[in-house]
Amino acid sequence: MGKHFHLYENISKVDPFEGSQHYLAPAWAFHLQALFMGFVFFAGTPLNLLVLLATAKYKKLRAPLNYILVNISFAGFIFVTFSVSQVFVASLRGYYFLGYTLWLMMTMTMTFFLQPSSSAAPTPPPPWSSPGSWGWAAYIPEGLGCSCGPDWYTHNEEYGCTSYMYFLLITCFCMPLSIIIFSYSQLLGALRAVAAQQAESASTQKAEKEVSRMIIVMVGSFVTCYGPYALTGLWYANSEEVNKDYRLVTIPAFFSKSSCVYNPLIYAFMNKQFNACIMEMVFGKKMEEASEVSSKTEVSTAS
C-alpha cells in the first residue's frame, strides 16, 4: 500500500486491511473504541430515524424551517448506518477486515455526509464533497486503523493534502462556527429587544431564556464535536516533531463521529413541536394544544 496509506510501516508491515492492529495498543483500547462506536451506532440510528419517521407521519412538521432539521437527521442517519457501523465491527476485530469495497463506501459517506451540521449551515456544499474524486487530498486509515479520515499526516504533495487540510479547517469549522455565532447572536439581540419592550410578559422572558440556553448548547456542542478534531489536524499538519503518535487522533475522532447522536437531541428533541409529535408516535401520548401553540409562537418569533 505504501506510505500514502499505512502510517505505521516502521512498526509493522501488516497494514490495516490485512491483519490485526493490536501492536498499536492493548486489547482494552480496541474494546473501548468498539464500545463507544457501538453506543453511537445503536443510539444514533433510532434517534435520527425517529425524526425522519415523525416528519413523514405528521404533515405539520413539513414546514420549510423544519426541513433544515430533517436534513441534519438524514445526513446523520446515512453516516451512522454506512460509516459508524463499519468502524464498530472493525474495532471488534482489531483491523479493517471488510475490504476495500466497503472502505470506499465509508470514505464516500465520510466525504458527502459528515459535515459540521448546524441549523445555519445544514447542507454539504459541493466544494468539500468532491475533491477526492478528482485527485485533491486523500482519506486514509487513522487512529487504531479501524476508521478513516483526511490525510493530514503525510504532507503528501502529490495529492495536496496540506492545502486540503486548511481548506477543511476553514470551510468545515471556522466558517460554520462563525455563521452559527453571528446568526444566533443576531437572533438573541432581536429577542432581547422585544423582551425589553415587554418586560411584564412572562412568556417573552421565558422565550428569551430558552433561546439563550439553546444557543449555548448549540455552540458548545459544535465546538465539542469538531474542535478537538480540527485542532489535532492543525497540530499534525504543522508540528515539526519527528515521532508523532498518530494513535492519539482516535480520541478527537470519537467526538466528531458522535455528532450524529447530539444533533437530533439538540435540534429535534429540544424542539417542542418535534418532541410532541415523537412522543405521540412512540408512546401514544397525545399532544396538548398548549404545546402546539407554544411551538408555533417559538417558530414565528425565531423567524
C-alpha atoms as a PDB file:
ATOM      1  CA  MET A   1       0.000   0.000   0.000  1.00  0.00           C
ATOM      2  CA  GLY A   2       2.917   2.332   0.551  1.00  0.00           C
ATOM      3  CA  LYS A   3       3.492   5.412   2.647  1.00  0.00           C
ATOM      4  CA  HIS A   4       0.321   7.150   1.480  1.00  0.00           C
ATOM      5  CA  PHE A   5      -1.933   4.691   3.278  1.00  0.00           C
ATOM      6  CA  HIS A   6      -0.025   2.919   6.029  1.00  0.00           C
ATOM      7  CA  LEU A   7       1.220   5.221   8.789  1.00  0.00           C
ATOM      8  CA  TYR A   8       2.922   2.503  10.824  1.00  0.00           C
ATOM      9  CA  GLU A   9       5.226   0.812   8.305  1.00  0.00           C
ATOM     10  CA  ASN A  10       8.172   1.489  10.593  1.00  0.00           C
ATOM     11  CA  ILE A  11       6.491  -0.622  13.286  1.00  0.00           C
ATOM     12  CA  SER A  12       4.794  -3.397  11.334  1.00  0.00           C
ATOM     13  CA  LYS A  13       4.341  -4.491   7.730  1.00  0.00           C
ATOM     14  CA  VAL A  14       0.764  -5.603   8.474  1.00  0.00           C
ATOM     15  CA  ASP A  15      -1.469  -2.855   7.162  1.00  0.00           C
ATOM     16  CA  PRO A  16      -4.999  -2.136   8.472  1.00  0.00           C
ATOM     17  CA  PHE A  17      -6.647  -4.158   5.673  1.00  0.00           C
ATOM     18  CA  GLU A  18      -4.624  -7.335   6.089  1.00  0.00           C
ATOM     19  CA  GLY A  19      -4.386  -8.189   9.757  1.00  0.00           C
ATOM     20  CA  SER A  20      -4.740  -7.278  13.414  1.00  0.00           C
ATOM     21  CA  GLN A  21      -3.512  -3.875  14.528  1.00  0.00           C
ATOM     22  CA  HIS A  22      -3.199  -4.863  18.185  1.00  0.00           C
ATOM     23  CA  TYR A  23       0.503  -3.992  18.063  1.00  0.00           C
ATOM     24  CA  LEU A  24      -0.645  -0.351  18.199  1.00  0.00           C
ATOM     25  CA  ALA A  25      -2.445  -0.542  21.529  1.00  0.00           C
ATOM     26  CA  PRO A  26      -3.577  -3.054  24.166  1.00  0.00           C
ATOM     27  CA  ALA A  27      -6.779  -5.002  23.590  1.00  0.00           C
ATOM     28  CA  TRP A  28      -8.756  -2.853  26.040  1.00  0.00           C
ATOM     29  CA  ALA A  29      -8.208   0.204  23.826  1.00  0.00           C
ATOM     30  CA  PHE A  30      -9.862  -1.556  20.887  1.00  0.00           C
ATOM     31  CA  HIS A  31     -12.666  -2.784  23.157  1.00  0.00           C
ATOM     32  CA  LEU A  32     -13.225   0.753  24.442  1.00  0.00           C
ATOM     33  CA  GLN A  33     -13.364   2.062  20.886  1.00  0.00           C
ATOM     34  CA  ALA A  34     -15.827  -0.675  19.930  1.00  0.00           C
ATOM     35  CA  LEU A  35     -17.962   0.107  22.989  1.00  0.00           C
ATOM     36  CA  PHE A  36     -18.119   3.812  22.194  1.00  0.00           C
ATOM     37  CA  MET A  37     -18.791   3.324  18.475  1.00  0.00           C
ATOM     38  CA  GLY A  38     -21.435   0.746  19.380  1.00  0.00           C
ATOM     39  CA  PHE A  39     -23.125   3.359  21.560  1.00  0.00           C
ATOM     40  CA  VAL A  40     -23.004   5.913  18.726  1.00  0.00           C
ATOM     41  CA  PHE A  41     -24.442   3.362  16.286  1.00  0.00           C
ATOM     42  CA  PHE A  42     -27.221   1.967  18.484  1.00  0.00           C
ATOM     43  CA  ALA A  43     -28.200   5.418  19.808  1.00  0.00           C
ATOM     44  CA  GLY A  44     -27.706   7.491  16.669  1.00  0.00           C
ATOM     45  CA  THR A  45     -29.622   5.194  14.329  1.00  0.00           C
ATOM     46  CA  PRO A  46     -33.010   5.267  16.131  1.00  0.00           C
ATOM     47  CA  LEU A  47     -32.696   8.939  17.131  1.00  0.00           C
ATOM     48  CA  ASN A  48     -32.208  10.126  13.558  1.00  0.00           C
ATOM     49  CA  LEU A  49     -34.725   7.624  12.210  1.00  0.00           C
ATOM     50  CA  LEU A  50     -37.394   8.859  14.630  1.00  0.00           C
ATOM     51  CA  VAL A  51     -37.019  12.398  13.312  1.00  0.00           C
ATOM     52  CA  LEU A  52     -37.427  11.189   9.715  1.00  0.00           C
ATOM     53  CA  LEU A  53     -40.427   8.985  10.535  1.00  0.00           C
ATOM     54  CA  ALA A  54     -42.143  11.737  12.525  1.00  0.00           C
ATOM     55  CA  THR A  55     -41.696  14.144   9.630  1.00  0.00           C
ATOM     56  CA  ALA A  56     -43.176  11.613   7.228  1.00  0.00           C
ATOM     57  CA  LYS A  57     -46.153  10.928   9.513  1.00  0.00           C
ATOM     58  CA  TYR A  58     -47.088  14.437  10.649  1.00  0.00           C
ATOM     59  CA  LYS A  59     -47.814  16.966   7.948  1.00  0.00           C
ATOM     60  CA  LYS A  60     -47.470  19.862  10.391  1.00  0.00           C
ATOM     61  CA  LEU A  61     -43.742  19.120  10.672  1.00  0.00           C
ATOM     62  CA  ARG A  62     -43.184  19.526   6.934  1.00  0.00           C
ATOM     63  CA  ALA A  63     -42.557  23.260   7.146  1.00  0.00           C
ATOM     64  CA  PRO A  64     -39.634  24.935   5.345  1.00  0.00           C
ATOM     65  CA  LEU A  65     -37.932  25.782   8.627  1.00  0.00           C
ATOM     66  CA  ASN A  66     -38.184  22.164   9.809  1.00  0.00           C
ATOM     67  CA  TYR A  67     -36.609  20.775   6.644  1.00  0.00           C
ATOM     68  CA  ILE A  68     -33.312  22.100   7.954  1.00  0.00           C
ATOM     69  CA  LEU A  69     -33.655  19.768  10.954  1.00  0.00           C
ATOM     70  CA  VAL A  70     -34.734  16.901   8.704  1.00  0.00           C
ATOM     71  CA  ASN A  71     -31.678  17.409   6.518  1.00  0.00           C
ATOM     72  CA  ILE A  72     -29.378  17.166   9.542  1.00  0.00           C
ATOM     73  CA  SER A  73     -31.069  13.961  10.706  1.00  0.00           C
ATOM     74  CA  PHE A  74     -30.983  12.443   7.212  1.00  0.00           C
ATOM     75  CA  ALA A  75     -27.239  13.105   6.929  1.00  0.00           C
ATOM     76  CA  GLY A  76     -26.732  11.689  10.427  1.00  0.00           C
ATOM     77  CA  PHE A  77     -28.753   8.560   9.635  1.00  0.00           C
ATOM     78  CA  ILE A  78     -26.771   7.855   6.446  1.00  0.00           C
ATOM     79  CA  PHE A  79     -23.477   8.434   8.240  1.00  0.00           C
ATOM     80  CA  VAL A  80     -24.255   6.268  11.251  1.00  0.00           C
ATOM     81  CA  THR A  81     -25.631   3.482   9.043  1.00  0.00           C
ATOM     82  CA  PHE A  82     -22.840   3.230   6.489  1.00  0.00           C
ATOM     83  CA  SER A  83     -19.803   4.584   8.344  1.00  0.00           C
ATOM     84  CA  VAL A  84     -20.137   4.273  12.114  1.00  0.00           C
ATOM     85  CA  SER A  85     -21.388   0.687  11.758  1.00  0.00           C
ATOM     86  CA  GLN A  86     -18.214  -0.262   9.896  1.00  0.00           C
ATOM     87  CA  VAL A  87     -15.951   1.357  12.490  1.00  0.00           C
ATOM     88  CA  PHE A  88     -17.859  -0.546  15.171  1.00  0.00           C
ATOM     89  CA  VAL A  89     -17.429  -4.011  13.659  1.00  0.00           C
ATOM     90  CA  ALA A  90     -13.839  -3.248  12.593  1.00  0.00           C
ATOM     91  CA  SER A  91     -12.975  -2.272  16.171  1.00  0.00           C
ATOM     92  CA  LEU A  92     -14.314  -5.612  17.374  1.00  0.00           C
ATOM     93  CA  ARG A  93     -11.857  -7.408  15.072  1.00  0.00           C
ATOM     94  CA  GLY A  94      -8.959  -5.019  15.599  1.00  0.00           C
ATOM     95  CA  TYR A  95      -8.489  -4.117  11.941  1.00  0.00           C
ATOM     96  CA  TYR A  96     -10.470  -3.184   8.845  1.00  0.00           C
ATOM     97  CA  PHE A  97     -11.334  -6.703   7.702  1.00  0.00           C
ATOM     98  CA  LEU A  98     -14.255  -5.619   5.488  1.00  0.00           C
ATOM     99  CA  GLY A  99     -12.068  -4.950   2.457  1.00  0.00           C
ATOM    100  CA  TYR A 100     -11.502  -2.118   0.025  1.00  0.00           C
ATOM    101  CA  THR A 101     -15.043  -2.046  -1.400  1.00  0.00           C
ATOM    102  CA  LEU A 102     -16.709  -1.231   1.908  1.00  0.00           C
ATOM    103  CA  TRP A 103     -13.779   1.021   2.754  1.00  0.00           C
ATOM    104  CA  LEU A 104     -14.656   3.042  -0.333  1.00  0.00           C
ATOM    105  CA  MET A 105     -18.273   3.190   0.844  1.00  0.00           C
ATOM    106  CA  MET A 106     -17.204   4.504   4.242  1.00  0.00           C
ATOM    107  CA  THR A 107     -14.915   7.082   2.627  1.00  0.00           C
ATOM    108  CA  MET A 108     -17.717   8.312   0.369  1.00  0.00           C
ATOM    109  CA  THR A 109     -20.064   8.520   3.357  1.00  0.00           C
ATOM    110  CA  MET A 110     -17.479  10.494   5.317  1.00  0.00           C
ATOM    111  CA  THR A 111     -16.954  12.839   2.373  1.00  0.00           C
ATOM    112  CA  PHE A 112     -20.569  13.513   1.448  1.00  0.00           C
ATOM    113  CA  PHE A 113     -22.479  13.285   4.731  1.00  0.00           C
ATOM    114  CA  LEU A 114     -20.158  14.017   7.649  1.00  0.00           C
ATOM    115  CA  GLN A 115     -20.154  17.799   7.595  1.00  0.00           C
ATOM    116  CA  PRO A 116     -20.366  20.161  10.542  1.00  0.00           C
ATOM    117  CA  SER A 117     -24.136  20.287  10.977  1.00  0.00           C
ATOM    118  CA  SER A 118     -25.900  23.375  12.195  1.00  0.00           C
ATOM    119  CA  SER A 119     -29.239  24.961  11.636  1.00  0.00           C
ATOM    120  CA  ALA A 120     -27.370  27.800   9.963  1.00  0.00           C
ATOM    121  CA  ALA A 121     -25.384  25.650   7.515  1.00  0.00           C
ATOM    122  CA  PRO A 122     -27.073  22.266   7.141  1.00  0.00           C
ATOM    123  CA  THR A 123     -26.317  21.215   3.557  1.00  0.00           C
ATOM    124  CA  PRO A 124     -22.971  19.726   2.475  1.00  0.00           C
ATOM    125  CA  PRO A 125     -21.697  22.129  -0.191  1.00  0.00           C
ATOM    126  CA  PRO A 126     -20.126  20.642  -3.353  1.00  0.00           C
ATOM    127  CA  PRO A 127     -16.637  22.172  -2.831  1.00  0.00           C
ATOM    128  CA  TRP A 128     -15.691  19.808   0.006  1.00  0.00           C
ATOM    129  CA  SER A 129     -17.781  16.827  -1.098  1.00  0.00           C
ATOM    130  CA  SER A 130     -15.883  16.071  -4.306  1.00  0.00           C
ATOM    131  CA  PRO A 131     -12.111  16.835  -4.138  1.00  0.00           C
ATOM    132  CA  GLY A 132     -11.128  13.188  -3.607  1.00  0.00           C
ATOM    133  CA  SER A 133     -12.795  12.176  -6.864  1.00  0.00           C
ATOM    134  CA  TRP A 134     -10.578  14.488  -8.927  1.00  0.00           C
ATOM    135  CA  GLY A 135      -7.273  13.967  -7.171  1.00  0.00           C
ATOM    136  CA  TRP A 136      -7.187  16.562  -4.400  1.00  0.00           C
ATOM    137  CA  ALA A 137      -6.494  15.052  -0.963  1.00  0.00           C
ATOM    138  CA  ALA A 138      -6.908  11.502   0.263  1.00  0.00           C
ATOM    139  CA  TYR A 139      -8.652   9.572   3.004  1.00  0.00           C
ATOM    140  CA  ILE A 140      -6.514   7.017   4.844  1.00  0.00           C
ATOM    141  CA  PRO A 141      -6.787   4.695   7.881  1.00  0.00           C
ATOM    142  CA  GLU A 142      -6.308   6.708  11.051  1.00  0.00           C
ATOM    143  CA  GLY A 143      -6.022   6.164  14.773  1.00  0.00           C
ATOM    144  CA  LEU A 144      -6.039   2.447  15.558  1.00  0.00           C
ATOM    145  CA  GLY A 145      -6.559   1.509  11.914  1.00  0.00           C
ATOM    146  CA  CYS A 146     -10.290   0.839  12.186  1.00  0.00           C
ATOM    147  CA  SER A 147     -11.616   4.077  10.690  1.00  0.00           C
ATOM    148  CA  CYS A 148     -10.687   6.611   8.035  1.00  0.00           C
ATOM    149  CA  GLY A 149     -10.085  10.317   7.899  1.00  0.00           C
ATOM    150  CA  PRO A 150      -8.426  13.039   5.806  1.00  0.00           C
ATOM    151  CA  ASP A 151      -4.688  12.588   5.309  1.00  0.00           C
ATOM    152  CA  TRP A 152      -3.190  15.459   7.235  1.00  0.00           C
ATOM    153  CA  TYR A 153      -0.283  13.355   8.436  1.00  0.00           C
ATOM    154  CA  THR A 154       1.942  12.572   5.439  1.00  0.00           C
ATOM    155  CA  HIS A 155       2.151  16.063   3.829  1.00  0.00           C
ATOM    156  CA  ASN A 156       1.703  14.308   0.515  1.00  0.00           C
ATOM    157  CA  GLU A 157       2.425  16.910  -2.163  1.00  0.00           C
ATOM    158  CA  GLU A 158       1.082  14.738  -4.968  1.00  0.00           C
ATOM    159  CA  TYR A 159      -2.443  14.943  -3.568  1.00  0.00           C
ATOM    160  CA  GLY A 160      -2.131  18.384  -1.957  1.00  0.00           C
ATOM    161  CA  CYS A 161      -3.067  17.008   1.465  1.00  0.00           C
ATOM    162  CA  THR A 162      -1.820  20.016   3.434  1.00  0.00           C
ATOM    163  CA  SER A 163      -3.781  22.542   1.388  1.00  0.00           C
ATOM    164  CA  TYR A 164      -6.886  20.360   1.690  1.00  0.00           C
ATOM    165  CA  MET A 165      -6.461  20.261   5.470  1.00  0.00           C
ATOM    166  CA  TYR A 166      -6.520  24.072   5.601  1.00  0.00           C
ATOM    167  CA  PHE A 167      -9.483  24.091   3.224  1.00  0.00           C
ATOM    168  CA  LEU A 168     -11.408  21.757   5.557  1.00  0.00           C
ATOM    169  CA  LEU A 169     -10.407  23.745   8.631  1.00  0.00           C
ATOM    170  CA  ILE A 170     -11.743  26.985   7.128  1.00  0.00           C
ATOM    171  CA  THR A 171     -14.883  25.721   5.357  1.00  0.00           C
ATOM    172  CA  CYS A 172     -15.928  22.974   7.772  1.00  0.00           C
ATOM    173  CA  PHE A 173     -15.038  24.520  11.123  1.00  0.00           C
ATOM    174  CA  CYS A 174     -14.216  28.234  11.120  1.00  0.00           C
ATOM    175  CA  MET A 175     -16.923  29.348   8.670  1.00  0.00           C
ATOM    176  CA  PRO A 176     -19.808  27.282  10.165  1.00  0.00           C
ATOM    177  CA  LEU A 177     -18.848  28.318  13.688  1.00  0.00           C
ATOM    178  CA  SER A 178     -18.739  31.977  12.638  1.00  0.00           C
ATOM    179  CA  ILE A 179     -22.129  31.673  10.926  1.00  0.00           C
ATOM    180  CA  ILE A 180     -23.670  29.972  13.969  1.00  0.00           C
ATOM    181  CA  ILE A 181     -22.365  32.598  16.398  1.00  0.00           C
ATOM    182  CA  PHE A 182     -23.324  35.534  14.156  1.00  0.00           C
ATOM    183  CA  SER A 183     -26.801  34.210  13.315  1.00  0.00           C
ATOM    184  CA  TYR A 184     -27.821  33.334  16.841  1.00  0.00           C
ATOM    185  CA  SER A 185     -26.298  36.465  18.354  1.00  0.00           C
ATOM    186  CA  GLN A 186     -28.466  38.490  15.958  1.00  0.00           C
ATOM    187  CA  LEU A 187     -31.494  36.397  16.913  1.00  0.00           C
ATOM    188  CA  LEU A 188     -30.784  36.786  20.609  1.00  0.00           C
ATOM    189  CA  GLY A 189     -30.289  40.530  20.206  1.00  0.00           C
ATOM    190  CA  ALA A 190     -33.642  40.891  18.449  1.00  0.00           C
ATOM    191  CA  LEU A 191     -35.376  38.775  21.084  1.00  0.00           C
ATOM    192  CA  ARG A 192     -33.862  40.787  23.917  1.00  0.00           C
ATOM    193  CA  ALA A 193     -35.090  43.986  22.295  1.00  0.00           C
ATOM    194  CA  VAL A 194     -38.610  42.552  22.218  1.00  0.00           C
ATOM    195  CA  ALA A 195     -38.254  41.335  25.800  1.00  0.00           C
ATOM    196  CA  ALA A 196     -37.200  44.822  26.917  1.00  0.00           C
ATOM    197  CA  GLN A 197     -40.365  46.267  25.377  1.00  0.00           C
ATOM    198  CA  GLN A 198     -42.495  43.569  27.011  1.00  0.00           C
ATOM    199  CA  ALA A 199     -40.829  43.393  30.392  1.00  0.00           C
ATOM    200  CA  GLU A 200     -44.072  42.364  32.082  1.00  0.00           C
ATOM    201  CA  SER A 201     -44.706  39.461  29.689  1.00  0.00           C
ATOM    202  CA  ALA A 202     -43.707  36.196  31.368  1.00  0.00           C
ATOM    203  CA  SER A 203     -43.914  34.269  28.093  1.00  0.00           C
ATOM    204  CA  THR A 204     -41.500  36.650  26.347  1.00  0.00           C
ATOM    205  CA  GLN A 205     -38.999  36.454  29.207  1.00  0.00           C
ATOM    206  CA  LYS A 206     -39.270  32.678  29.166  1.00  0.00           C
ATOM    207  CA  ALA A 207     -38.696  32.580  25.401  1.00  0.00           C
ATOM    208  CA  GLU A 208     -35.565  34.693  25.804  1.00  0.00           C
ATOM    209  CA  LYS A 209     -34.146  32.288  28.396  1.00  0.00           C
ATOM    210  CA  GLU A 210     -34.961  29.250  26.255  1.00  0.00           C
ATOM    211  CA  VAL A 211     -33.297  30.748  23.177  1.00  0.00           C
ATOM    212  CA  SER A 212     -30.242  31.734  25.237  1.00  0.00           C
ATOM    213  CA  ARG A 213     -29.960  28.193  26.557  1.00  0.00           C
ATOM    214  CA  MET A 214     -30.370  26.761  23.060  1.00  0.00           C
ATOM    215  CA  ILE A 215     -27.597  28.991  21.684  1.00  0.00           C
ATOM    216  CA  ILE A 216     -25.197  27.928  24.430  1.00  0.00           C
ATOM    217  CA  VAL A 217     -25.979  24.261  23.794  1.00  0.00           C
ATOM    218  CA  MET A 218     -25.613  24.597  20.003  1.00  0.00           C
ATOM    219  CA  VAL A 219     -22.294  26.436  20.078  1.00  0.00           C
ATOM    220  CA  GLY A 220     -20.967  24.241  22.878  1.00  0.00           C
ATOM    221  CA  SER A 221     -21.887  21.002  21.112  1.00  0.00           C
ATOM    222  CA  PHE A 222     -20.387  22.152  17.803  1.00  0.00           C
ATOM    223  CA  VAL A 223     -17.080  23.123  19.423  1.00  0.00           C
ATOM    224  CA  THR A 224     -17.048  19.914  21.492  1.00  0.00           C
ATOM    225  CA  CYS A 225     -17.683  17.702  18.446  1.00  0.00           C
ATOM    226  CA  TYR A 226     -15.367  19.302  15.911  1.00  0.00           C
ATOM    227  CA  GLY A 227     -12.951  21.485  17.890  1.00  0.00           C
ATOM    228  CA  PRO A 228     -10.648  18.679  19.125  1.00  0.00           C
ATOM    229  CA  TYR A 229     -10.511  17.095  15.651  1.00  0.00           C
ATOM    230  CA  ALA A 230      -9.745  20.427  13.949  1.00  0.00           C
ATOM    231  CA  LEU A 231      -7.015  21.320  16.444  1.00  0.00           C
ATOM    232  CA  THR A 232      -5.489  17.842  16.182  1.00  0.00           C
ATOM    233  CA  GLY A 233      -5.353  18.069  12.402  1.00  0.00           C
ATOM    234  CA  LEU A 234      -3.786  21.519  12.645  1.00  0.00           C
ATOM    235  CA  TRP A 235      -1.139  20.215  15.041  1.00  0.00           C
ATOM    236  CA  TYR A 236      -0.265  17.187  12.903  1.00  0.00           C
ATOM    237  CA  ALA A 237      -0.008  19.371   9.813  1.00  0.00           C
ATOM    238  CA  ASN A 238       2.303  21.955  11.381  1.00  0.00           C
ATOM    239  CA  SER A 239       4.246  20.186  14.101  1.00  0.00           C
ATOM    240  CA  GLU A 240       7.928  19.636  13.360  1.00  0.00           C
ATOM    241  CA  GLU A 241       8.154  16.810  15.860  1.00  0.00           C
ATOM    242  CA  VAL A 242       9.521  13.715  14.127  1.00  0.00           C
ATOM    243  CA  ASN A 243       7.984  10.979  16.265  1.00  0.00           C
ATOM    244  CA  LYS A 244       4.319  11.948  16.268  1.00  0.00           C
ATOM    245  CA  ASP A 245       1.950   9.468  17.887  1.00  0.00           C
ATOM    246  CA  TYR A 246      -0.732   9.006  15.227  1.00  0.00           C
ATOM    247  CA  ARG A 247      -2.806   6.875  17.581  1.00  0.00           C
ATOM    248  CA  LEU A 248      -3.852   9.967  19.538  1.00  0.00           C
ATOM    249  CA  VAL A 249      -6.196  11.047  16.733  1.00  0.00           C
ATOM    250  CA  THR A 250      -8.526   8.250  17.877  1.00  0.00           C
ATOM    251  CA  ILE A 251      -9.751  10.393  20.777  1.00  0.00           C
ATOM    252  CA  PRO A 252     -10.814  13.543  18.849  1.00  0.00           C
ATOM    253  CA  ALA A 253     -12.262  11.289  16.137  1.00  0.00           C
ATOM    254  CA  PHE A 254     -14.630   9.949  18.816  1.00  0.00           C
ATOM    255  CA  PHE A 255     -16.003  13.443  19.361  1.00  0.00           C
ATOM    256  CA  SER A 256     -16.586  14.162  15.673  1.00  0.00           C
ATOM    257  CA  LYS A 257     -18.323  10.838  14.983  1.00  0.00           C
ATOM    258  CA  SER A 258     -20.633  11.299  17.974  1.00  0.00           C
ATOM    259  CA  SER A 259     -22.261  14.337  16.355  1.00  0.00           C
ATOM    260  CA  CYS A 260     -24.933  12.079  14.817  1.00  0.00           C
ATOM    261  CA  VAL A 261     -26.169  11.450  18.386  1.00  0.00           C
ATOM    262  CA  TYR A 262     -26.016  15.042  19.632  1.00  0.00           C
ATOM    263  CA  ASN A 263     -27.637  16.675  16.610  1.00  0.00           C
ATOM    264  CA  PRO A 264     -31.091  15.026  16.758  1.00  0.00           C
ATOM    265  CA  LEU A 265     -31.216  15.527  20.532  1.00  0.00           C
ATOM    266  CA  ILE A 266     -30.421  19.241  20.222  1.00  0.00           C
ATOM    267  CA  TYR A 267     -32.173  20.261  17.028  1.00  0.00           C
ATOM    268  CA  ALA A 268     -35.228  17.987  17.095  1.00  0.00           C
ATOM    269  CA  PHE A 269     -35.919  16.656  20.593  1.00  0.00           C
ATOM    270  CA  MET A 270     -35.378  20.094  22.139  1.00  0.00           C
ATOM    271  CA  ASN A 271     -37.887  21.448  19.601  1.00  0.00           C
ATOM    272  CA  LYS A 272     -41.288  21.297  21.314  1.00  0.00           C
ATOM    273  CA  GLN A 273     -43.199  20.593  18.115  1.00  0.00           C
ATOM    274  CA  PHE A 274     -40.926  17.722  17.058  1.00  0.00           C
ATOM    275  CA  ASN A 275     -40.756  16.396  20.607  1.00  0.00           C
ATOM    276  CA  ALA A 276     -44.552  16.337  20.973  1.00  0.00           C
ATOM    277  CA  CYS A 277     -45.014  14.501  17.662  1.00  0.00           C
ATOM    278  CA  ILE A 278     -42.328  11.934  18.512  1.00  0.00           C
ATOM    279  CA  MET A 279     -43.830  11.330  21.968  1.00  0.00           C
ATOM    280  CA  GLU A 280     -47.236  10.723  20.398  1.00  0.00           C
ATOM    281  CA  MET A 281     -45.806   8.457  17.685  1.00  0.00           C
ATOM    282  CA  VAL A 282     -43.690   6.329  20.055  1.00  0.00           C
ATOM    283  CA  PHE A 283     -45.636   6.342  23.334  1.00  0.00           C
ATOM    284  CA  GLY A 284     -49.125   7.279  22.155  1.00  0.00           C
ATOM    285  CA  LYS A 285     -49.042  10.433  24.259  1.00  0.00           C
ATOM    286  CA  LYS A 286     -51.496  12.936  22.790  1.00  0.00           C
ATOM    287  CA  MET A 287     -50.158  16.374  22.024  1.00  0.00           C
ATOM    288  CA  GLU A 288     -51.539  19.214  24.094  1.00  0.00           C
ATOM    289  CA  GLU A 289     -52.958  22.224  22.352  1.00  0.00           C
ATOM    290  CA  ALA A 290     -50.855  24.488  24.548  1.00  0.00           C
ATOM    291  CA  SER A 291     -47.728  22.749  23.389  1.00  0.00           C
ATOM    292  CA  GLU A 292     -48.678  23.214  19.756  1.00  0.00           C
ATOM    293  CA  VAL A 293     -49.474  26.893  20.250  1.00  0.00           C
ATOM    294  CA  SER A 294     -46.208  27.389  22.100  1.00  0.00           C
ATOM    295  CA  SER A 295     -44.288  25.738  19.280  1.00  0.00           C
ATOM    296  CA  LYS A 296     -45.927  27.954  16.675  1.00  0.00           C
ATOM    297  CA  THR A 297     -45.110  31.012  18.755  1.00  0.00           C
ATOM    298  CA  GLU A 298     -41.463  29.990  19.016  1.00  0.00           C
ATOM    299  CA  VAL A 299     -41.197  29.434  15.264  1.00  0.00           C
ATOM    300  CA  SER A 300     -42.769  32.781  14.429  1.00  0.00           C
ATOM    301  CA  THR A 301     -40.523  34.515  16.970  1.00  0.00           C
ATOM    302  CA  ALA A 302     -37.412  32.850  15.539  1.00  0.00           C
ATOM    303  CA  SER A 303     -38.458  33.828  12.025  1.00  0.00           C
END
